[in-house]
């Protein structure tokens, strides 16, 4: 059985290695990167999927590090303490440093900012159910 080959290989091992790597990297960058970068947003718009709505503060906080805008976080070194009261009582903090966000339960000794809020209000603002007055 003959396979169609676009690149003819030579006896030169260095050339073979270069071609194998260049072709693979070109495919990854040319096809893979645009698909992973743009396809999720495109599909979300085409399928009419609404934005994510959270039903609990716990699940929202667990997801927040994945939604970090790395461009806006560049050069930042902040820690935000949350004291959530009401239906869900949560004490936790987020650390944003080196374009990464981490979520940790508990108290941070000297946070950059502290947010004290009832769970329902923070959840409603995050889901867009209450207007952002700020």
Protein backbone atom coordinates (compact mmCIF):
# COMPACT_ATOMS: atom_id res chain seq x y z
CA UNK A 1 0.00 0.00 0.00
CA UNK A 2 1.41 3.39 -0.98
CA UNK A 3 0.94 6.45 1.15
CA UNK A 4 0.94 9.91 -0.29
CA UNK A 5 3.96 11.78 1.02
CA UNK A 6 4.27 15.53 0.68
CA UNK A 7 7.87 15.66 1.80
CA UNK A 8 10.46 13.33 0.38
CA UNK A 9 13.00 12.30 2.94
CA UNK A 10 16.69 12.10 2.26
CA UNK A 11 19.43 10.06 3.88
CA UNK A 12 20.53 13.16 5.77
CA UNK A 13 19.42 12.55 9.38
CA UNK A 14 19.76 16.21 10.36
CA UNK A 15 17.49 17.27 7.51
CA UNK A 16 14.97 14.57 8.46
CA UNK A 17 14.88 15.76 12.08
CA UNK A 18 14.49 19.39 11.06
CA UNK A 19 11.67 18.57 8.64
CA UNK A 20 9.87 16.39 11.18
CA UNK A 21 10.02 19.10 13.82
CA UNK A 22 9.21 22.02 11.51
CA UNK A 23 6.19 20.26 10.02
CA UNK A 24 4.86 19.26 13.45
CA UNK A 25 5.35 22.69 14.97
CA UNK A 26 3.85 24.37 11.89
CA UNK A 27 0.72 22.23 12.17
CA UNK A 28 0.40 22.92 15.88
CA UNK A 29 0.83 26.67 15.47
CA UNK A 30 -1.10 26.99 12.24
CA UNK A 31 -4.11 24.89 13.19
CA UNK A 32 -3.98 24.03 16.87
CA UNK A 33 -3.39 27.46 18.34
CA UNK A 34 -6.21 29.28 16.48
CA UNK A 35 -8.64 26.47 17.29
CA UNK A 36 -7.92 26.51 21.02
CA UNK A 37 -7.83 30.32 21.12
CA UNK A 38 -10.93 31.22 19.10
CA UNK A 39 -13.16 28.14 18.77
CA UNK A 40 -14.65 28.14 22.32
CA UNK A 41 -15.87 31.76 22.02
CA UNK A 42 -17.11 31.18 18.48
CA UNK A 43 -19.07 28.08 19.47
CA UNK A 44 -20.50 29.81 22.52
CA UNK A 45 -21.82 32.62 20.32
CA UNK A 46 -23.10 30.33 17.55
CA UNK A 47 -24.85 27.96 19.94
CA UNK A 48 -26.36 30.81 21.93
CA UNK A 49 -24.91 29.55 25.18
CA UNK A 50 -25.30 32.05 27.98
CA UNK A 51 -22.43 32.98 30.20
CA UNK A 52 -21.79 30.76 33.19
CA UNK A 53 -24.16 31.29 36.10
CA UNK A 54 -23.04 30.16 39.51
CA UNK A 55 -25.39 28.73 42.13
CA UNK A 56 -22.98 28.92 45.04
CA UNK A 57 -20.10 31.10 46.18
CA UNK A 58 -17.96 27.99 46.66
CA UNK A 59 -18.21 26.93 43.02
CA UNK A 60 -17.72 30.50 41.83
CA UNK A 61 -14.57 30.96 43.92
CA UNK A 62 -13.19 27.61 42.74
CA UNK A 63 -13.62 28.76 39.11
CA UNK A 64 -12.27 32.30 39.51
CA UNK A 65 -8.54 31.50 39.09
CA UNK A 66 -9.32 30.04 35.64
CA UNK A 67 -10.89 33.31 34.48
CA UNK A 68 -7.88 35.50 35.21
CA UNK A 69 -7.14 38.08 32.52
CA UNK A 70 -3.37 37.61 32.28
CA UNK A 71 -2.84 40.88 30.39
CA UNK A 72 -4.47 42.91 33.14
CA UNK A 73 -2.76 40.83 35.84
CA UNK A 74 0.70 41.42 34.40
CA UNK A 75 2.94 43.06 36.97
CA UNK A 76 0.38 42.81 39.77
CA UNK A 77 1.12 41.40 43.21
CA UNK A 78 -2.07 41.55 45.27
CA UNK A 79 -3.94 39.49 47.81
CA UNK A 80 -7.71 39.89 48.16
CA UNK A 81 -9.32 38.58 51.34
CA UNK A 82 -13.01 37.60 51.25
CA UNK A 83 -15.28 37.35 54.30
CA UNK A 84 -18.54 35.91 53.00
CA UNK A 85 -21.53 35.72 55.36
CA UNK A 86 -25.14 34.56 55.10
CA UNK A 87 -26.20 31.28 53.47
CA UNK A 88 -22.57 30.39 52.80
CA UNK A 89 -19.90 31.38 55.26
CA UNK A 90 -16.50 31.46 53.58
CA UNK A 91 -13.20 33.03 54.58
CA UNK A 92 -10.70 32.79 51.76
CA UNK A 93 -8.24 34.81 49.73
CA UNK A 94 -7.00 35.11 46.19
CA UNK A 95 -3.38 35.84 45.40
CA UNK A 96 -2.59 37.35 42.01
CA UNK A 97 1.11 37.25 41.22
CA UNK A 98 3.23 36.41 38.16
CA UNK A 99 0.11 36.37 35.94
CA UNK A 100 -1.37 33.56 38.07
CA UNK A 101 -4.27 33.49 40.48
CA UNK A 102 -4.52 31.09 43.41
CA UNK A 103 -7.48 30.46 45.68
CA UNK A 104 -6.82 29.57 49.32
CA UNK A 105 -9.29 29.01 52.13
CA UNK A 106 -8.56 30.79 55.38
CA UNK A 107 -7.19 34.14 56.51
CA UNK A 108 -4.32 36.12 55.00
CA UNK A 109 -2.37 38.15 57.54
CA UNK A 110 -1.98 41.39 55.58
CA UNK A 111 -4.18 41.45 52.42
CA UNK A 112 -4.08 44.22 49.84
CA UNK A 113 -7.87 44.45 50.01
CA UNK A 114 -10.64 42.87 52.11
CA UNK A 115 -14.18 42.32 50.88
CA UNK A 116 -16.95 41.73 53.44
CA UNK A 117 -20.29 40.80 51.87
CA UNK A 118 -23.32 38.55 52.23
CA UNK A 119 -23.15 35.51 49.92
CA UNK A 120 -26.38 36.36 48.08
CA UNK A 121 -25.27 39.87 47.17
CA UNK A 122 -21.84 38.78 45.87
CA UNK A 123 -23.41 35.92 43.89
CA UNK A 124 -26.09 38.21 42.40
CA UNK A 125 -23.52 40.83 41.36
CA UNK A 126 -21.24 38.15 39.86
CA UNK A 127 -24.12 36.62 37.89
CA UNK A 128 -25.23 40.05 36.66
CA UNK A 129 -28.50 39.98 38.60
CA UNK A 130 -27.66 43.20 40.47
CA UNK A 131 -26.24 46.28 38.78
CA UNK A 132 -22.63 47.15 39.38
CA UNK A 133 -22.79 50.55 41.04
CA UNK A 134 -19.05 51.05 41.04
